[in-house]
Amino acid sequence: MGKHSSAVTRSNNNRRSVYITAVGLLVISLGAVFVVRSFGSEAGADGFLSGAGQSCDDPTQVSLSATPEMQPSLESAAKSLATKGGDDGTPCLQFTITAAPSAKVAQELANSTDNRPDLWIPDSSLWVAQADDGESVPAVAVPSIASSPLVLVGRNTNFADTSSWLRAFGAAEPALLDPLNTSPGALALLAVQSERQRTSASETQVATVVVPLAQRLGSMAKPYTDPVALFGRADQDGSRVVVPASEQSFVKYQEDHPDAQLKAVVPATGTLTLDYPVVVTAKSDVEQATDAAKSLAAELLTDGAAQARDEAGFRDALFSPLSGGRGVGDLTQLPKPNGETIDKTLLNWTRLSLSTHSLAVIDISGSMAEVVGKKTRMQLTIEAAAGGLSLFPNSASLGLWTFSTKIGELGADYKELVPIAPLSDRQRTKILDNLKVQRPIPNGSTGLYDTAIAAVRAVRQQYDSKAVNSILLFTDGKNDDPGSPTLEETVRTLEGLKDPARPVRIIALGMGPEANADELRALAKATGGQSYVARNPSDLRQVFVDALQSR
């Protein structure tokens, strides 16, 4: 902060990419700068403001970075405050207001940028902790100058079950704004976690919805960042898309698109809210910056500013409903997540979002012919694998092997059916077609150990440094190949193949009562992977979800 005068300017910042180290935040944004100047009794030379008021020839300079949707309201309040400067004890302040996404500012503050503002207004307080520069977390001067609840936007036909966020997501096609880049996206994931205090939803139930969602959305080359574009998709005939977004963005969309067939709802469990705090980010003159924050916040509470805020689609800090029946009316608030929950949720999304480079290896030994209920283990395995295939996005790469004993080239226990390749429609068809024709080999044994070693080596040869590299190993039994190495020898070989910089993990999927859990656990552990055993056929799909979650 300092003392000087400057001309009114309006310019655009360049688009650029930034990574937030705490959770790998990728931000691509466009910012606009507005300078609001205090003037005396005469109109300024640039004509930006005019009107009466005691002269403030040497106003205090305050730089303010704010979330873009708040810029008009803040600019108006700063102008109003400028006209009062020096009157009845009103401070003489000149604000330079820069519009920039909250995640971008949080990263810049965390990196101790030389261009840090004196004040910052993010759209949600969840970003404040992300602005920790290693010395201190910025202080909140005013907890909230406005609010906007998270709502779910879509066509009425997609709201058959709004008893919870989790059920609403599971019954439609949720399109989340990037949780690592936008507050609505992050709050949508946090709402699913927060409502568990009221629904008692299990980790398994949450994973069944969130894991495929992360696989589908998180691995996109360009995550969603524009709510208006998503609203347009949700409004198409027959669309199953539902969009978690701020009430304010929905209200403005309705105003601009009066013929849209969209509605906004809040699930019965309640919702989280964007709260727009005023944060002191100055490293010097902190007290002066805090006073400026409170002066600006007070101006935003005047009757004129309150009306403008409501017209812009924002609620007050007490979450009072918008006028004219707009928005979703009265609402229930979910418990606000703490910093640990925020970090864990976003890190989990980052982990689940990584692309997949995997090899599915399926047991076709004689025991797979055993009937369980009305189907053989082989049929159940193929159905589970086919269903699991739908959980992988097109950006994933997948290949297929089968194994028993001496079924491959030169008497190998394994056979390559489909090489690892991106999951194009053609690749999916090749995998499914090959799965459907598989039959258990009469009297075939289970060459598990040799196959596990060969699979790790094969994936390592095609290693993808931008993806999670793994083997999905399906078996209903244990190794019974007399010519194979022992379990101890196999584990030592797998441990010897480990490379922390290029990990290839075995995700072992056992099926049925004869699957040897200890053996599978040892193989998986030797590679840093996980093992699961589905004792009942109905557990197979959940085992697949668990496997995807073990990344």
Protein backbone atom coordinates (compact mmCIF):
# COMPACT_ATOMS: atom_id res chain seq x y z
CA MET A 1 0.00 0.00 0.00
CA GLY A 2 1.16 3.52 -0.62
CA LYS A 3 0.38 7.10 -1.55
CA HIS A 4 0.12 8.23 -5.17
CA SER A 5 -2.39 9.04 -7.89
CA SER A 6 -2.92 7.18 -11.14
CA ALA A 7 -5.08 7.39 -14.22
CA VAL A 8 -8.03 5.12 -14.79
CA THR A 9 -6.98 2.07 -16.76
CA ARG A 10 -8.64 -1.08 -18.01
CA SER A 11 -6.55 -3.89 -19.44
CA ASN A 12 -6.36 -7.67 -19.83
CA ASN A 13 -3.79 -9.97 -18.29
CA ASN A 14 -2.29 -12.70 -20.44
CA ARG A 15 -3.57 -16.23 -20.26
CA ARG A 16 -1.13 -18.52 -18.49
CA SER A 17 -0.88 -21.87 -16.68
CA VAL A 18 -0.04 -22.27 -13.00
CA TYR A 19 0.36 -25.35 -10.84
CA ILE A 20 -0.63 -25.31 -7.16
CA THR A 21 1.78 -27.70 -5.51
CA ALA A 22 -0.48 -28.75 -2.63
CA VAL A 23 -3.04 -30.45 -4.84
CA GLY A 24 -1.66 -30.08 -8.35
CA LEU A 25 -4.01 -27.19 -9.27
CA LEU A 26 -3.96 -26.29 -12.97
CA VAL A 27 -5.35 -22.82 -13.67
CA ILE A 28 -5.78 -21.20 -17.08
CA SER A 29 -7.43 -17.82 -16.75
CA LEU A 30 -8.04 -14.36 -18.10
CA GLY A 31 -7.98 -11.35 -15.75
CA ALA A 32 -9.09 -7.74 -16.20
CA VAL A 33 -7.76 -4.75 -14.25
CA PHE A 34 -9.83 -1.80 -13.09
CA VAL A 35 -8.49 1.25 -11.28
CA VAL A 36 -11.00 3.28 -9.26
CA ARG A 37 -9.82 6.75 -8.31
CA SER A 38 -10.89 9.21 -5.61
CA PHE A 39 -11.77 12.65 -6.95
CA GLY A 40 -12.52 16.04 -5.48
CA SER A 41 -15.48 18.31 -6.10
CA GLU A 42 -14.79 18.52 -9.79
CA ALA A 43 -15.00 15.77 -12.39
CA GLY A 44 -11.73 13.92 -12.92
CA ALA A 45 -9.71 14.67 -16.01
CA ASP A 46 -10.68 11.28 -17.45
CA GLY A 47 -14.34 11.71 -16.58
CA PHE A 48 -14.43 8.43 -14.66
CA LEU A 49 -16.20 9.92 -11.63
CA SER A 50 -17.84 13.21 -10.83
CA GLY A 51 -19.83 14.67 -8.01
CA ALA A 52 -19.50 16.51 -4.74
CA GLY A 53 -17.25 15.50 -1.88
CA GLN A 54 -14.25 16.79 0.01
CA SER A 55 -11.03 16.57 -1.97
CA CYS A 56 -8.69 13.63 -1.38
CA ASP A 57 -5.55 14.81 -3.11
CA ASP A 58 -3.36 12.05 -1.68
CA PRO A 59 -5.49 8.90 -1.30
CA THR A 60 -4.22 5.65 0.15
CA GLN A 61 -3.56 3.15 -2.62
CA VAL A 62 -5.15 -0.29 -2.12
CA SER A 63 -4.65 -3.15 -4.57
CA LEU A 64 -7.48 -5.68 -4.54
CA SER A 65 -7.72 -8.99 -6.41
CA ALA A 66 -11.22 -10.41 -6.67
CA THR A 67 -13.09 -13.29 -8.25
CA PRO A 68 -14.39 -12.06 -11.65
CA GLU A 69 -18.15 -12.31 -10.97
CA MET A 70 -17.80 -9.88 -8.04
CA GLN A 71 -15.93 -7.24 -10.07
CA PRO A 72 -18.96 -5.09 -11.07
CA SER A 73 -20.26 -4.91 -7.51
CA LEU A 74 -16.85 -4.10 -6.09
CA GLU A 75 -16.16 -1.48 -8.74
CA SER A 76 -19.46 0.22 -7.95
CA ALA A 77 -18.82 0.15 -4.19
CA ALA A 78 -15.28 1.50 -4.67
CA LYS A 79 -16.61 4.36 -6.79
CA SER A 80 -19.19 5.18 -4.14
CA LEU A 81 -16.56 5.07 -1.41
CA ALA A 82 -14.33 7.34 -3.50
CA THR A 83 -17.00 10.04 -3.75
CA LYS A 84 -17.30 10.06 0.04
CA GLY A 85 -13.55 10.17 0.65
CA GLY A 86 -12.65 12.69 3.37
CA ASP A 87 -16.32 13.28 4.30
CA ASP A 88 -17.42 12.63 7.88
CA GLY A 89 -14.36 10.58 8.66
CA THR A 90 -14.63 8.41 5.53
CA PRO A 91 -11.09 7.32 4.59
CA CYS A 92 -9.53 8.49 1.34
CA LEU A 93 -8.95 5.28 -0.57
CA GLN A 94 -8.09 4.49 -4.16
CA PHE A 95 -8.64 0.83 -5.15
CA THR A 96 -6.94 -0.94 -8.01
CA ILE A 97 -9.23 -3.92 -8.62
CA THR A 98 -7.89 -6.93 -10.52
CA ALA A 99 -10.30 -9.69 -11.54
CA ALA A 100 -8.71 -13.16 -11.39
CA PRO A 101 -9.88 -16.70 -10.55
CA SER A 102 -9.45 -17.63 -6.91
CA ALA A 103 -7.22 -20.64 -7.57
CA LYS A 104 -4.83 -18.52 -9.63
CA VAL A 105 -4.47 -15.93 -6.87
CA ALA A 106 -4.03 -18.63 -4.23
CA GLN A 107 -1.12 -20.07 -6.19
CA GLU A 108 0.52 -16.70 -6.72
CA LEU A 109 0.26 -15.91 -3.02
CA ALA A 110 1.63 -19.34 -2.09
CA ASN A 111 4.62 -18.63 -4.33
CA SER A 112 5.26 -15.30 -2.56
CA THR A 113 4.87 -13.32 -5.77
CA ASP A 114 6.19 -9.75 -5.80
CA ASN A 115 2.85 -8.62 -7.23
CA ARG A 116 0.75 -9.78 -4.30
CA PRO A 117 -2.30 -7.58 -3.69
CA ASP A 118 -3.11 -5.85 -0.43
CA LEU A 119 -6.56 -7.46 -0.31
CA TRP A 120 -8.12 -10.51 -1.91
CA ILE A 121 -11.74 -11.58 -2.33
CA PRO A 122 -11.95 -15.23 -3.45
CA ASP A 123 -15.30 -16.80 -4.18
CA SER A 124 -14.82 -19.28 -1.36
CA SER A 125 -12.85 -19.39 1.87
CA LEU A 126 -11.64 -22.88 0.95
CA TRP A 127 -8.87 -21.18 -1.09
CA VAL A 128 -7.44 -19.22 1.87
CA ALA A 129 -5.44 -22.15 3.25
CA GLN A 130 -4.07 -22.81 -0.25
CA ALA A 131 -2.47 -19.33 -0.17
CA ASP A 132 -0.03 -20.31 2.59
CA ASP A 133 3.42 -19.11 1.49
CA GLY A 134 5.26 -21.10 4.14
CA GLU A 135 5.40 -18.17 6.53
CA SER A 136 1.73 -17.53 7.26
CA VAL A 137 -1.81 -18.08 6.04
CA PRO A 138 -3.48 -14.79 5.00
CA ALA A 139 -5.83 -13.34 7.62
CA VAL A 140 -9.55 -12.98 6.95
CA ALA A 141 -10.62 -9.39 7.71
CA VAL A 142 -14.30 -9.81 6.78
CA PRO A 143 -15.73 -13.37 6.77
CA SER A 144 -18.24 -12.71 4.00
CA ILE A 145 -19.48 -9.82 1.87
CA ALA A 146 -21.96 -11.96 -0.10
CA SER A 147 -22.91 -15.59 -0.60
CA SER A 148 -24.21 -17.98 -3.22
CA PRO A 149 -25.24 -21.56 -2.46
CA LEU A 150 -24.16 -24.51 -4.56
CA VAL A 151 -27.12 -25.78 -6.57
CA LEU A 152 -27.68 -28.61 -9.02
CA VAL A 153 -28.84 -27.44 -12.45
CA GLY A 154 -30.52 -29.60 -15.08
CA ARG A 155 -33.77 -30.56 -16.75
CA ASN A 156 -36.62 -31.58 -14.50
CA THR A 157 -36.53 -35.17 -15.79
CA ASN A 158 -33.07 -35.62 -14.25
CA PHE A 159 -34.20 -34.90 -10.70
CA ALA A 160 -36.06 -38.09 -9.87
CA ASP A 161 -33.99 -38.54 -6.70
CA THR A 162 -32.67 -35.44 -4.94
CA SER A 163 -32.56 -36.94 -1.48
CA SER A 164 -28.80 -36.42 -1.48
CA TRP A 165 -25.97 -35.17 -3.69
CA LEU A 166 -24.68 -38.72 -4.01
CA ARG A 167 -28.01 -40.12 -5.19
CA ALA A 168 -28.59 -37.21 -7.56
CA PHE A 169 -25.16 -37.80 -9.11
CA GLY A 170 -25.79 -41.53 -9.39
CA ALA A 171 -29.13 -41.06 -11.18
CA ALA A 172 -27.90 -38.64 -13.86
CA GLU A 173 -24.74 -37.58 -15.69
CA PRO A 174 -22.99 -35.04 -13.47
CA ALA A 175 -20.73 -32.56 -15.28
CA LEU A 176 -18.44 -31.04 -12.65
CA LEU A 177 -16.49 -27.88 -13.16
CA ASP A 178 -12.84 -28.68 -12.52
CA PRO A 179 -12.61 -29.35 -8.75
CA LEU A 180 -8.92 -28.40 -8.78
CA ASN A 181 -9.60 -25.07 -10.44
CA THR A 182 -13.09 -23.92 -9.47
CA SER A 183 -14.99 -23.58 -6.23
CA PRO A 184 -18.30 -25.10 -7.47
CA GLY A 185 -16.44 -28.21 -8.60
CA ALA A 186 -14.57 -28.56 -5.31
CA LEU A 187 -17.70 -27.86 -3.26
CA ALA A 188 -19.63 -30.53 -5.17
CA LEU A 189 -17.14 -33.19 -4.06
CA LEU A 190 -17.05 -31.77 -0.55
CA ALA A 191 -20.86 -31.80 -0.38
CA VAL A 192 -20.83 -35.55 -1.03
CA GLN A 193 -18.43 -35.98 1.89
CA SER A 194 -20.16 -33.50 4.18
CA GLU A 195 -23.63 -35.00 3.77
CA ARG A 196 -22.39 -38.39 4.97
CA GLN A 197 -22.97 -37.11 8.50
CA ARG A 198 -26.68 -37.12 7.63
CA THR A 199 -26.98 -40.09 5.26
CA SER A 200 -24.47 -42.57 6.72
CA ALA A 201 -23.34 -43.37 3.18
CA SER A 202 -20.39 -45.75 3.21
CA GLU A 203 -17.00 -45.27 1.59
CA THR A 204 -18.01 -47.98 -0.86
CA GLN A 205 -21.20 -46.14 -1.89
CA VAL A 206 -19.28 -42.90 -2.38
CA ALA A 207 -16.53 -44.64 -4.36
CA THR A 208 -19.07 -46.29 -6.66
CA VAL A 209 -20.13 -42.83 -7.85
CA VAL A 210 -16.94 -40.77 -7.47
CA VAL A 211 -14.41 -43.20 -8.97
CA PRO A 212 -16.01 -43.48 -12.44
CA LEU A 213 -16.79 -39.75 -12.31
CA ALA A 214 -13.12 -38.95 -11.70
CA GLN A 215 -12.07 -41.36 -14.43
CA ARG A 216 -14.48 -39.75 -16.90
CA LEU A 217 -13.98 -36.08 -16.05
CA GLY A 218 -10.64 -35.86 -14.32
CA SER A 219 -8.63 -37.28 -17.20
CA MET A 220 -10.02 -34.83 -19.76
CA ALA A 221 -7.36 -32.88 -21.63
CA LYS A 222 -9.27 -29.68 -20.85
CA PRO A 223 -11.45 -29.90 -17.71
CA TYR A 224 -14.70 -27.95 -17.58
CA THR A 225 -14.32 -24.37 -16.32
CA ASP A 226 -17.27 -22.55 -17.96
CA PRO A 227 -20.66 -23.05 -16.25
CA VAL A 228 -22.52 -21.32 -19.11
CA ALA A 229 -21.25 -23.90 -21.61
CA LEU A 230 -22.32 -26.73 -19.30
CA PHE A 231 -25.75 -25.17 -18.79
CA GLY A 232 -26.11 -25.19 -22.58
CA ARG A 233 -25.32 -28.91 -22.69
CA ALA A 234 -27.73 -29.62 -19.84
CA ASP A 235 -30.52 -27.78 -21.68
CA GLN A 236 -30.38 -29.92 -24.81
CA ASP A 237 -33.32 -32.23 -25.55
CA GLY A 238 -32.82 -35.60 -23.92
CA SER A 239 -29.76 -34.47 -21.98
CA ARG A 240 -28.99 -36.34 -18.75
CA VAL A 241 -26.42 -33.74 -17.70
CA VAL A 242 -26.73 -32.08 -14.30
CA VAL A 243 -24.34 -29.30 -13.32
CA PRO A 244 -23.26 -28.35 -9.78
CA ALA A 245 -22.89 -24.56 -9.94
CA SER A 246 -23.43 -21.40 -7.91
CA GLU A 247 -26.97 -20.11 -7.64
CA GLN A 248 -25.66 -16.76 -8.89
CA SER A 249 -24.37 -18.23 -12.16
CA PHE A 250 -27.68 -20.03 -12.71
CA VAL A 251 -29.75 -16.90 -12.04
CA LYS A 252 -27.68 -14.87 -14.50
CA TYR A 253 -28.01 -17.66 -17.09
CA GLN A 254 -31.78 -17.62 -16.67
CA GLU A 255 -31.83 -13.88 -17.26
CA ASP A 256 -29.77 -14.25 -20.43
CA HIS A 257 -31.63 -17.37 -21.64
CA PRO A 258 -35.32 -16.94 -20.69
CA ASP A 259 -36.37 -19.91 -22.85
CA ALA A 260 -34.03 -22.40 -21.17
CA GLN A 261 -35.72 -25.51 -19.80
CA LEU A 262 -33.50 -25.70 -16.73
CA LYS A 263 -34.21 -25.64 -13.03
CA ALA A 264 -31.99 -25.48 -9.97
CA VAL A 265 -32.46 -27.70 -6.92
CA VAL A 266 -30.70 -28.30 -3.62
CA PRO A 267 -30.69 -31.93 -2.42
CA ALA A 268 -32.60 -32.61 0.77
CA THR A 269 -29.41 -33.06 2.79
CA GLY A 270 -28.51 -29.39 2.26
CA THR A 271 -25.71 -27.56 0.50
CA LEU A 272 -22.40 -25.74 0.86
CA THR A 273 -22.02 -22.07 0.01
CA LEU A 274 -19.60 -19.75 -1.75
CA ASP A 275 -18.92 -17.11 0.91
CA TYR A 276 -16.70 -14.35 -0.62
CA PRO A 277 -14.44 -13.38 2.31
CA VAL A 278 -12.20 -10.29 2.31
CA VAL A 279 -8.65 -11.49 2.96
CA VAL A 280 -5.66 -9.37 3.94
CA THR A 281 -2.69 -10.43 1.83
CA ALA A 282 -0.41 -7.41 2.33
CA LYS A 283 2.97 -8.13 3.90
CA SER A 284 3.35 -4.56 5.19
CA ASP A 285 0.86 -1.96 6.43
CA VAL A 286 -1.39 -4.84 7.45
CA GLU A 287 -3.46 -2.70 9.80
CA GLN A 288 -4.06 -0.13 7.07
CA ALA A 289 -5.11 -2.88 4.65
CA THR A 290 -7.48 -4.33 7.26
CA ASP A 291 -9.12 -0.94 7.77
CA ALA A 292 -9.52 -0.56 4.00
CA ALA A 293 -11.15 -4.01 3.84
CA LYS A 294 -13.66 -3.10 6.52
CA SER A 295 -14.44 0.25 4.87
CA LEU A 296 -15.15 -1.44 1.55
CA ALA A 297 -17.25 -4.14 3.24
CA ALA A 298 -19.26 -1.46 5.06
CA GLU A 299 -19.94 0.28 1.74
CA LEU A 300 -21.24 -3.01 0.35
CA LEU A 301 -23.80 -3.12 3.17
CA THR A 302 -25.50 0.13 2.25
CA ASP A 303 -29.04 -0.09 0.87
CA GLY A 304 -27.96 0.83 -2.65
CA ALA A 305 -25.14 -1.70 -2.70
CA ALA A 306 -27.39 -4.40 -1.21
CA GLN A 307 -29.93 -3.91 -3.98
CA ALA A 308 -27.21 -4.07 -6.64
CA ARG A 309 -25.83 -7.23 -5.04
CA ASP A 310 -29.25 -8.88 -5.12
CA GLU A 311 -29.80 -7.86 -8.74
CA ALA A 312 -26.46 -9.44 -9.59
CA GLY A 313 -27.72 -12.74 -8.14
CA PHE A 314 -25.76 -12.78 -4.87
CA ARG A 315 -27.28 -13.40 -1.46
CA ASP A 316 -26.18 -11.51 1.63
CA ALA A 317 -23.76 -12.99 4.16
CA LEU A 318 -26.72 -14.48 6.08
CA PHE A 319 -27.82 -16.50 3.01
CA SER A 320 -31.15 -14.68 2.74
CA PRO A 321 -33.16 -15.79 -0.34
CA LEU A 322 -32.99 -13.65 -3.48
CA SER A 323 -35.85 -11.29 -4.23
CA GLY A 324 -38.57 -12.01 -6.76
CA GLY A 325 -38.61 -15.76 -6.15
CA ARG A 326 -35.34 -16.21 -8.02
CA GLY A 327 -33.00 -19.05 -7.19
CA VAL A 328 -33.80 -21.89 -4.80
CA GLY A 329 -35.28 -19.95 -1.87
CA ASP A 330 -34.72 -21.10 1.71
CA LEU A 331 -32.09 -23.78 2.14
CA THR A 332 -30.37 -26.05 4.62
CA GLN A 333 -26.63 -25.77 5.04
CA LEU A 334 -24.33 -28.74 5.21
CA PRO A 335 -21.54 -28.82 7.82
CA LYS A 336 -18.61 -26.77 6.57
CA PRO A 337 -15.59 -28.99 5.78
CA ASN A 338 -12.32 -28.39 7.61
CA GLY A 339 -8.94 -27.91 5.98
CA GLU A 340 -7.96 -31.57 6.35
CA THR A 341 -11.12 -32.73 4.59
CA ILE A 342 -10.61 -30.21 1.78
CA ASP A 343 -7.02 -31.32 1.18
CA LYS A 344 -7.89 -35.02 1.35
CA THR A 345 -10.83 -34.68 -1.04
CA LEU A 346 -8.92 -32.71 -3.67
CA LEU A 347 -5.84 -34.93 -3.44
CA ASN A 348 -8.06 -37.99 -3.81
CA TRP A 349 -9.62 -36.50 -6.96
CA THR A 350 -6.15 -35.78 -8.34
CA ARG A 351 -5.12 -39.37 -7.72
CA LEU A 352 -8.28 -40.87 -9.21
CA SER A 353 -8.11 -38.58 -12.22
CA LEU A 354 -4.79 -39.91 -13.48
CA SER A 355 -5.01 -41.77 -16.76
CA THR A 356 -4.63 -45.54 -16.79
CA HIS A 357 -2.13 -47.73 -18.66
CA SER A 358 -3.13 -51.25 -17.72
CA LEU A 359 -3.04 -54.87 -18.74
CA ALA A 360 -5.98 -57.12 -17.80
CA VAL A 361 -4.79 -60.70 -17.20
CA ILE A 362 -7.57 -63.28 -16.86
CA ASP A 363 -7.39 -66.83 -15.54
CA ILE A 364 -8.82 -69.47 -17.94
CA SER A 365 -7.67 -72.54 -16.01
CA GLY A 366 -9.96 -75.55 -15.62
CA SER A 367 -11.41 -74.43 -12.27
CA MET A 368 -12.99 -71.42 -14.00
CA ALA A 369 -15.58 -73.86 -15.41
CA GLU A 370 -17.09 -74.38 -11.96
CA VAL A 371 -20.71 -73.27 -11.80
CA VAL A 372 -21.67 -70.62 -9.26
CA GLY A 373 -25.43 -70.19 -9.15
CA LYS A 374 -26.45 -70.41 -12.80
CA LYS A 375 -23.15 -69.30 -14.37
CA THR A 376 -19.57 -70.46 -14.48
CA ARG A 377 -16.80 -68.47 -12.84
CA MET A 378 -15.52 -67.78 -16.34
CA GLN A 379 -18.83 -66.21 -17.35
CA LEU A 380 -19.01 -64.16 -14.17
CA THR A 381 -15.44 -62.96 -14.66
CA ILE A 382 -16.09 -61.95 -18.27
CA GLU A 383 -19.23 -60.05 -17.23
CA ALA A 384 -17.31 -58.27 -14.46
CA ALA A 385 -14.47 -57.39 -16.81
CA ALA A 386 -16.88 -56.13 -19.48
CA GLY A 387 -18.70 -54.03 -16.90
CA GLY A 388 -15.43 -52.74 -15.50
CA LEU A 389 -14.35 -51.73 -18.98
CA SER A 390 -17.14 -49.14 -19.00
CA LEU A 391 -15.54 -47.43 -16.00
CA PHE A 392 -12.44 -46.55 -18.01
CA PRO A 393 -12.49 -43.31 -20.05
CA ASN A 394 -11.32 -43.14 -23.66
CA SER A 395 -8.08 -41.58 -22.48
CA ALA A 396 -7.12 -44.83 -20.71
CA SER A 397 -5.04 -47.54 -22.36
CA LEU A 398 -5.83 -51.21 -21.81
CA GLY A 399 -4.69 -54.59 -23.13
CA LEU A 400 -5.76 -58.20 -22.54
CA TRP A 401 -3.96 -61.46 -21.71
CA THR A 402 -5.26 -64.86 -20.59
CA PHE A 403 -3.32 -67.44 -18.58
CA SER A 404 -3.37 -71.05 -17.48
CA THR A 405 -0.34 -73.29 -18.19
CA LYS A 406 1.56 -73.71 -21.45
CA ILE A 407 -0.96 -71.86 -23.61
CA GLY A 408 1.34 -69.30 -25.20
CA GLU A 409 4.35 -69.15 -27.44
CA LEU A 410 7.24 -71.44 -26.47
CA GLY A 411 5.07 -73.04 -23.79
CA ALA A 412 4.44 -69.83 -21.84
CA ASP A 413 1.67 -69.86 -19.23
CA TYR A 414 0.12 -66.70 -20.70
CA LYS A 415 -1.14 -65.54 -24.07
CA GLU A 416 -1.41 -61.99 -25.41
CA LEU A 417 -4.80 -61.38 -27.02
CA VAL A 418 -4.99 -57.58 -27.36
CA PRO A 419 -1.91 -55.33 -27.04
CA ILE A 420 -2.18 -52.30 -24.72
CA ALA A 421 -3.60 -49.34 -26.65
CA PRO A 422 -5.89 -46.32 -26.06
CA LEU A 423 -9.52 -47.27 -25.52
CA SER A 424 -10.93 -46.19 -28.84
CA ASP A 425 -14.21 -47.76 -29.93
CA ARG A 426 -12.17 -50.25 -31.94
CA GLN A 427 -9.98 -51.18 -28.96
CA ARG A 428 -13.02 -51.66 -26.72
CA THR A 429 -14.65 -53.90 -29.33
CA LYS A 430 -11.49 -55.99 -29.71
CA ILE A 431 -11.25 -56.53 -25.96
CA LEU A 432 -14.94 -57.39 -25.59
CA ASP A 433 -14.93 -59.73 -28.59
CA ASN A 434 -11.90 -61.58 -27.23
CA LEU A 435 -13.44 -61.81 -23.78
CA LYS A 436 -16.67 -63.32 -25.08
CA VAL A 437 -14.99 -66.27 -26.77
CA GLN A 438 -12.87 -67.32 -23.81
CA ARG A 439 -13.53 -70.78 -22.37
CA PRO A 440 -11.89 -72.56 -19.44
CA ILE A 441 -9.19 -75.04 -20.50
CA PRO A 442 -10.15 -78.55 -19.34
CA ASN A 443 -7.67 -79.74 -16.72
CA GLY A 444 -5.70 -76.52 -17.22
CA SER A 445 -3.61 -75.52 -14.21
CA THR A 446 -2.96 -72.01 -12.88
CA GLY A 447 0.43 -70.60 -13.85
CA LEU A 448 0.01 -67.55 -11.65
CA TYR A 449 3.61 -66.80 -10.66
CA ASP A 450 5.24 -66.89 -14.10
CA THR A 451 2.35 -64.86 -15.50
CA ALA A 452 2.64 -62.17 -12.81
CA ILE A 453 6.35 -61.71 -13.51
CA ALA A 454 5.86 -61.63 -17.28
CA ALA A 455 3.00 -59.12 -17.04
CA VAL A 456 5.05 -56.69 -14.93
CA ARG A 457 7.91 -56.88 -17.42
CA ALA A 458 5.56 -56.34 -20.37
CA VAL A 459 3.93 -53.25 -18.89
CA ARG A 460 7.33 -51.86 -17.91
CA GLN A 461 8.52 -52.17 -21.51
CA GLN A 462 5.62 -49.94 -22.61
CA TYR A 463 5.69 -47.66 -19.57
CA ASP A 464 3.60 -44.48 -19.79
CA SER A 465 5.08 -41.78 -17.55
CA LYS A 466 1.84 -39.76 -17.64
CA ALA A 467 -0.39 -42.54 -16.37
CA VAL A 468 -0.88 -45.11 -13.62
CA ASN A 469 0.76 -48.31 -14.90
CA SER A 470 -0.78 -51.50 -13.55
CA ILE A 471 -1.80 -55.12 -14.06
CA LEU A 472 -5.38 -56.19 -13.27
CA LEU A 473 -4.85 -59.84 -12.42
CA PHE A 474 -8.03 -62.00 -12.23
CA THR A 475 -7.85 -65.51 -10.77
CA ASP A 476 -10.10 -67.93 -8.91
CA GLY A 477 -7.41 -70.00 -7.26
CA LYS A 478 -3.74 -70.23 -6.46
CA ASN A 479 -0.61 -71.15 -8.34
CA ASP A 480 -0.50 -74.89 -9.10
CA ASP A 481 2.11 -75.00 -11.86
CA PRO A 482 4.80 -77.47 -10.71
CA GLY A 483 7.40 -75.94 -13.04
CA SER A 484 7.08 -72.40 -11.71
CA PRO A 485 9.20 -70.63 -9.07
CA THR A 486 8.08 -70.68 -5.46
CA LEU A 487 6.08 -67.80 -3.97
CA GLU A 488 9.20 -66.56 -2.16
CA GLU A 489 11.22 -66.61 -5.37
CA THR A 490 8.42 -64.84 -7.25
CA VAL A 491 8.17 -62.12 -4.62
CA ARG A 492 11.95 -61.55 -4.74
CA THR A 493 11.82 -61.29 -8.53
CA LEU A 494 8.93 -58.80 -8.42
CA GLU A 495 10.69 -56.73 -5.76
CA GLY A 496 13.80 -56.73 -7.93
CA LEU A 497 11.76 -55.30 -10.82
CA LYS A 498 10.53 -52.37 -8.73
CA ASP A 499 11.56 -48.88 -9.78
CA PRO A 500 10.16 -46.05 -7.61
CA ALA A 501 10.47 -43.67 -10.55
CA ARG A 502 8.55 -46.05 -12.86
CA PRO A 503 6.13 -48.04 -10.67
CA VAL A 504 4.14 -50.91 -12.17
CA ARG A 505 1.64 -52.26 -9.66
CA ILE A 506 -0.30 -55.53 -9.55
CA ILE A 507 -3.95 -55.18 -8.58
CA ALA A 508 -4.88 -58.77 -7.78
CA LEU A 509 -8.56 -59.67 -8.06
CA GLY A 510 -9.45 -63.02 -6.50
CA MET A 511 -12.80 -64.67 -7.12
CA GLY A 512 -14.56 -67.42 -5.21
CA PRO A 513 -13.79 -69.42 -2.06
CA GLU A 514 -10.66 -71.06 -3.50
CA ALA A 515 -8.83 -67.80 -4.20
CA ASN A 516 -5.76 -67.67 -1.97
CA ALA A 517 -5.91 -64.23 -0.35
CA ASP A 518 -2.44 -64.54 1.24
CA GLU A 519 -0.82 -65.45 -2.06
CA LEU A 520 -2.49 -62.61 -3.93
CA ARG A 521 -1.60 -60.17 -1.18
CA ALA A 522 2.06 -61.16 -1.36
CA LEU A 523 2.20 -60.68 -5.15
CA ALA A 524 0.48 -57.30 -4.99
CA LYS A 525 2.54 -56.06 -2.04
CA ALA A 526 5.79 -56.91 -3.83
CA THR A 527 4.86 -54.33 -6.48
CA GLY A 528 3.26 -51.73 -4.20
CA GLY A 529 -0.21 -52.77 -5.34
CA GLN A 530 -3.36 -54.06 -3.66
CA SER A 531 -5.33 -57.30 -3.59
CA TYR A 532 -9.06 -57.96 -3.30
CA VAL A 533 -11.11 -61.12 -3.03
CA ALA A 534 -14.76 -61.32 -4.11
CA ARG A 535 -16.21 -64.33 -2.34
CA ASN A 536 -19.62 -63.78 -3.95
CA PRO A 537 -20.36 -63.02 -7.61
CA SER A 538 -22.31 -59.91 -6.62
CA ASP A 539 -19.10 -58.42 -5.20
CA LEU A 540 -17.25 -58.39 -8.52
CA ARG A 541 -18.29 -54.92 -9.68
CA GLN A 542 -17.36 -53.37 -6.35
CA VAL A 543 -13.99 -55.14 -6.51
CA PHE A 544 -13.44 -53.39 -9.83
CA VAL A 545 -14.27 -50.01 -8.27
CA ASP A 546 -11.90 -50.75 -5.38
CA ALA A 547 -9.19 -51.66 -7.85
CA LEU A 548 -9.56 -48.37 -9.69
CA GLN A 549 -9.42 -46.54 -6.38
CA SER A 550 -6.09 -48.20 -5.54
CA ARG A 551 -3.94 -45.91 -7.65
